[in-house]
Amino acid sequence: TEAALLASIGAPRLRRLGFDVPSPFMDPEHRLYSCLARSAPDTAHSRYNSLVRRLVSFERAWPCAR
């Protein structure tokens, strides 16, 4: 799923933050983009960037929320 691939992209940092994240998928960035492009090719790039920004925002905010 898109969520699983996004978690896989963030796995190294999420682990450092204390989350139990399974081993990452191979090449999750390209797999996520391909998944998005299959469902809506015209918006894949902006959706990909939006998801990654949301992940980074969460990773940065988590230490402050603890």
C-alpha atoms as a PDB file:
ATOM      1  CA  THR A   1       0.000   0.000   0.000  1.00  0.00           C
ATOM      2  CA  GLU A   2       1.010   3.627  -0.275  1.00  0.00           C
ATOM      3  CA  ALA A   3       1.231   3.857   3.511  1.00  0.00           C
ATOM      4  CA  ALA A   4       3.496   0.810   3.764  1.00  0.00           C
ATOM      5  CA  LEU A   5       5.827   2.169   1.110  1.00  0.00           C
ATOM      6  CA  LEU A   6       5.927   5.562   2.811  1.00  0.00           C
ATOM      7  CA  ALA A   7       6.742   3.924   6.151  1.00  0.00           C
ATOM      8  CA  SER A   8       9.463   1.985   4.373  1.00  0.00           C
ATOM      9  CA  ILE A   9      10.956   5.216   3.038  1.00  0.00           C
ATOM     10  CA  GLY A  10      11.049   6.611   6.559  1.00  0.00           C
ATOM     11  CA  ALA A  11      12.060   3.364   8.275  1.00  0.00           C
ATOM     12  CA  PRO A  12      15.617   4.329   9.274  1.00  0.00           C
ATOM     13  CA  ARG A  13      14.599   7.565  10.950  1.00  0.00           C
ATOM     14  CA  LEU A  14      11.395   6.109  12.395  1.00  0.00           C
ATOM     15  CA  ARG A  15      13.466   3.368  14.044  1.00  0.00           C
ATOM     16  CA  ARG A  16      15.798   5.973  15.544  1.00  0.00           C
ATOM     17  CA  LEU A  17      12.699   7.695  16.929  1.00  0.00           C
ATOM     18  CA  GLY A  18      11.673   4.456  18.657  1.00  0.00           C
ATOM     19  CA  PHE A  19       9.085   3.053  16.265  1.00  0.00           C
ATOM     20  CA  ASP A  20       9.057  -0.657  15.517  1.00  0.00           C
ATOM     21  CA  VAL A  21       9.173  -0.587  11.723  1.00  0.00           C
ATOM     22  CA  PRO A  22       9.678  -3.765   9.680  1.00  0.00           C
ATOM     23  CA  SER A  23      12.565  -4.094   7.271  1.00  0.00           C
ATOM     24  CA  PRO A  24      12.160  -1.659   4.406  1.00  0.00           C
ATOM     25  CA  PHE A  25      11.012  -2.719   0.972  1.00  0.00           C
ATOM     26  CA  MET A  26      13.532  -2.685  -1.823  1.00  0.00           C
ATOM     27  CA  ASP A  27      13.495   0.658  -3.651  1.00  0.00           C
ATOM     28  CA  PRO A  28      10.459   2.092  -1.824  1.00  0.00           C
ATOM     29  CA  GLU A  29      10.758   5.545  -3.396  1.00  0.00           C
ATOM     30  CA  HIS A  30      10.382   4.260  -6.943  1.00  0.00           C
ATOM     31  CA  ARG A  31       7.734   1.750  -5.938  1.00  0.00           C
ATOM     32  CA  LEU A  32       5.654   4.454  -4.263  1.00  0.00           C
ATOM     33  CA  TYR A  33       5.924   6.728  -7.280  1.00  0.00           C
ATOM     34  CA  SER A  34       4.956   3.869  -9.602  1.00  0.00           C
ATOM     35  CA  CYS A  35       1.967   3.038  -7.430  1.00  0.00           C
ATOM     36  CA  LEU A  36       0.817   6.652  -7.502  1.00  0.00           C
ATOM     37  CA  ALA A  37       1.411   6.918 -11.246  1.00  0.00           C
ATOM     38  CA  ARG A  38      -0.712   3.845 -11.928  1.00  0.00           C
ATOM     39  CA  SER A  39      -3.711   5.274 -10.116  1.00  0.00           C
ATOM     40  CA  ALA A  40      -3.399   8.896 -11.294  1.00  0.00           C
ATOM     41  CA  PRO A  41      -0.488   9.619 -13.636  1.00  0.00           C
ATOM     42  CA  ASP A  42      -1.209  13.334 -13.962  1.00  0.00           C
ATOM     43  CA  THR A  43      -0.886  13.972 -10.232  1.00  0.00           C
ATOM     44  CA  ALA A  44       1.694  11.356  -9.225  1.00  0.00           C
ATOM     45  CA  HIS A  45       4.562  13.805  -8.801  1.00  0.00           C
ATOM     46  CA  SER A  46       2.691  16.242  -6.583  1.00  0.00           C
ATOM     47  CA  ARG A  47       1.093  13.441  -4.551  1.00  0.00           C
ATOM     48  CA  TYR A  48       4.488  11.799  -4.036  1.00  0.00           C
ATOM     49  CA  ASN A  49       6.021  15.070  -2.848  1.00  0.00           C
ATOM     50  CA  SER A  50       3.062  15.720  -0.571  1.00  0.00           C
ATOM     51  CA  LEU A  51       3.348  12.302   1.073  1.00  0.00           C
ATOM     52  CA  VAL A  52       7.091  12.658   1.606  1.00  0.00           C
ATOM     53  CA  ARG A  53       6.613  16.150   3.080  1.00  0.00           C
ATOM     54  CA  ARG A  54       4.011  14.751   5.472  1.00  0.00           C
ATOM     55  CA  LEU A  55       6.410  11.979   6.521  1.00  0.00           C
ATOM     56  CA  VAL A  56       9.251  14.443   7.125  1.00  0.00           C
ATOM     57  CA  SER A  57       6.929  16.728   9.062  1.00  0.00           C
ATOM     58  CA  PHE A  58       5.907  13.837  11.312  1.00  0.00           C
ATOM     59  CA  GLU A  59       9.516  12.778  11.836  1.00  0.00           C
ATOM     60  CA  ARG A  60      10.496  16.303  12.838  1.00  0.00           C
ATOM     61  CA  ALA A  61       7.486  16.880  15.091  1.00  0.00           C
ATOM     62  CA  TRP A  62       7.619  13.577  16.962  1.00  0.00           C
ATOM     63  CA  PRO A  63      10.500  14.476  19.319  1.00  0.00           C
ATOM     64  CA  CYS A  64       8.673  17.672  20.321  1.00  0.00           C
ATOM     65  CA  ALA A  65       5.431  15.804  21.016  1.00  0.00           C
ATOM     66  CA  ARG A  66       6.985  13.307  23.397  1.00  0.00           C
END
